[in-house]
């Protein structure tokens, strides 16, 4: 299930917020033509703390799943 957050970037988001951006492209002539640049911010108030470039769809999915697991495992600040 997804929630429409189009009314504002942080509308209705209590506490901390993270951000994960995936930019993908095809690199012609390469045996592993997929490129996925992943930028991760575990806390948007601090900024990006990690950036990787991956070449396999499974690695991208694993990175997203691991980030979500880590993000949801962190307690709220002040808790």
Protein backbone atom coordinates (compact mmCIF):
# COMPACT_ATOMS: atom_id res chain seq x y z
CA UNK A 1 0.00 0.00 0.00
CA UNK A 2 1.29 3.47 -0.78
CA UNK A 3 0.35 6.88 0.52
CA UNK A 4 0.00 10.00 -1.63
CA UNK A 5 2.43 12.57 -0.23
CA UNK A 6 2.01 15.05 -3.08
CA UNK A 7 0.68 17.75 -0.75
CA UNK A 8 4.17 18.39 0.66
CA UNK A 9 7.59 16.79 0.96
CA UNK A 10 7.30 16.11 4.68
CA UNK A 11 3.55 16.62 5.17
CA UNK A 12 2.31 14.30 7.89
CA UNK A 13 5.77 12.83 8.56
CA UNK A 14 6.39 12.92 12.30
CA UNK A 15 9.88 12.49 13.71
CA UNK A 16 12.81 11.60 11.51
CA UNK A 17 12.82 10.99 7.78
CA UNK A 18 15.22 9.11 5.52
CA UNK A 19 15.79 9.32 1.80
CA UNK A 20 16.97 6.83 -0.80
CA UNK A 21 17.35 7.92 -4.43
CA UNK A 22 17.99 5.47 -7.26
CA UNK A 23 19.11 6.75 -10.67
CA UNK A 24 19.48 4.09 -13.38
CA UNK A 25 20.89 4.09 -16.90
CA UNK A 26 22.22 1.71 -19.54
CA UNK A 27 25.92 1.91 -20.34
CA UNK A 28 26.24 0.86 -23.96
CA UNK A 29 29.06 -1.48 -24.88
CA UNK A 30 29.54 -2.86 -21.37
CA UNK A 31 28.96 -6.53 -20.54
CA UNK A 32 27.10 -5.36 -17.41
CA UNK A 33 25.19 -2.52 -19.05
CA UNK A 34 22.92 -1.64 -16.13
CA UNK A 35 24.13 1.13 -13.84
CA UNK A 36 22.26 2.16 -10.72
CA UNK A 37 23.52 5.04 -8.60
CA UNK A 38 22.04 4.81 -5.10
CA UNK A 39 22.25 7.77 -2.72
CA UNK A 40 21.24 7.13 0.89
CA UNK A 41 20.38 9.49 3.73
CA UNK A 42 19.49 7.72 6.95
CA UNK A 43 18.52 11.11 8.37
CA UNK A 44 17.61 13.89 5.92
CA UNK A 45 18.54 16.56 8.46
CA UNK A 46 22.17 15.37 8.18
CA UNK A 47 22.32 14.76 4.41
CA UNK A 48 23.53 11.83 2.34
CA UNK A 49 25.78 9.42 4.19
CA UNK A 50 26.35 6.82 1.49
CA UNK A 51 26.52 6.57 -2.30
CA UNK A 52 27.06 3.47 -4.42
CA UNK A 53 26.97 2.46 -8.07
CA UNK A 54 25.65 -1.04 -8.71
CA UNK A 55 25.38 -3.16 -11.87
CA UNK A 56 22.93 -5.91 -10.89
CA UNK A 57 19.19 -5.54 -10.23
CA UNK A 58 19.41 -7.96 -7.29
CA UNK A 59 22.09 -5.83 -5.64
CA UNK A 60 19.87 -2.76 -5.97
CA UNK A 61 16.93 -4.61 -4.39
CA UNK A 62 19.14 -5.93 -1.57
CA UNK A 63 20.48 -2.43 -0.88
CA UNK A 64 16.95 -1.00 -0.67
CA UNK A 65 15.74 -3.84 1.59
CA UNK A 66 18.75 -3.51 3.91
CA UNK A 67 18.29 0.27 4.15
CA UNK A 68 14.59 -0.09 4.95
CA UNK A 69 15.33 -2.73 7.60
CA UNK A 70 17.99 -0.54 9.21
CA UNK A 71 15.83 2.58 9.03
CA UNK A 72 12.79 0.92 10.63
CA UNK A 73 14.95 -0.72 13.32
CA UNK A 74 16.24 2.67 14.56
CA UNK A 75 14.25 4.08 17.48
CA UNK A 76 12.67 7.52 17.14
CA UNK A 77 14.88 10.31 18.47
CA UNK A 78 13.87 11.21 21.99
CA UNK A 79 12.38 7.74 22.60
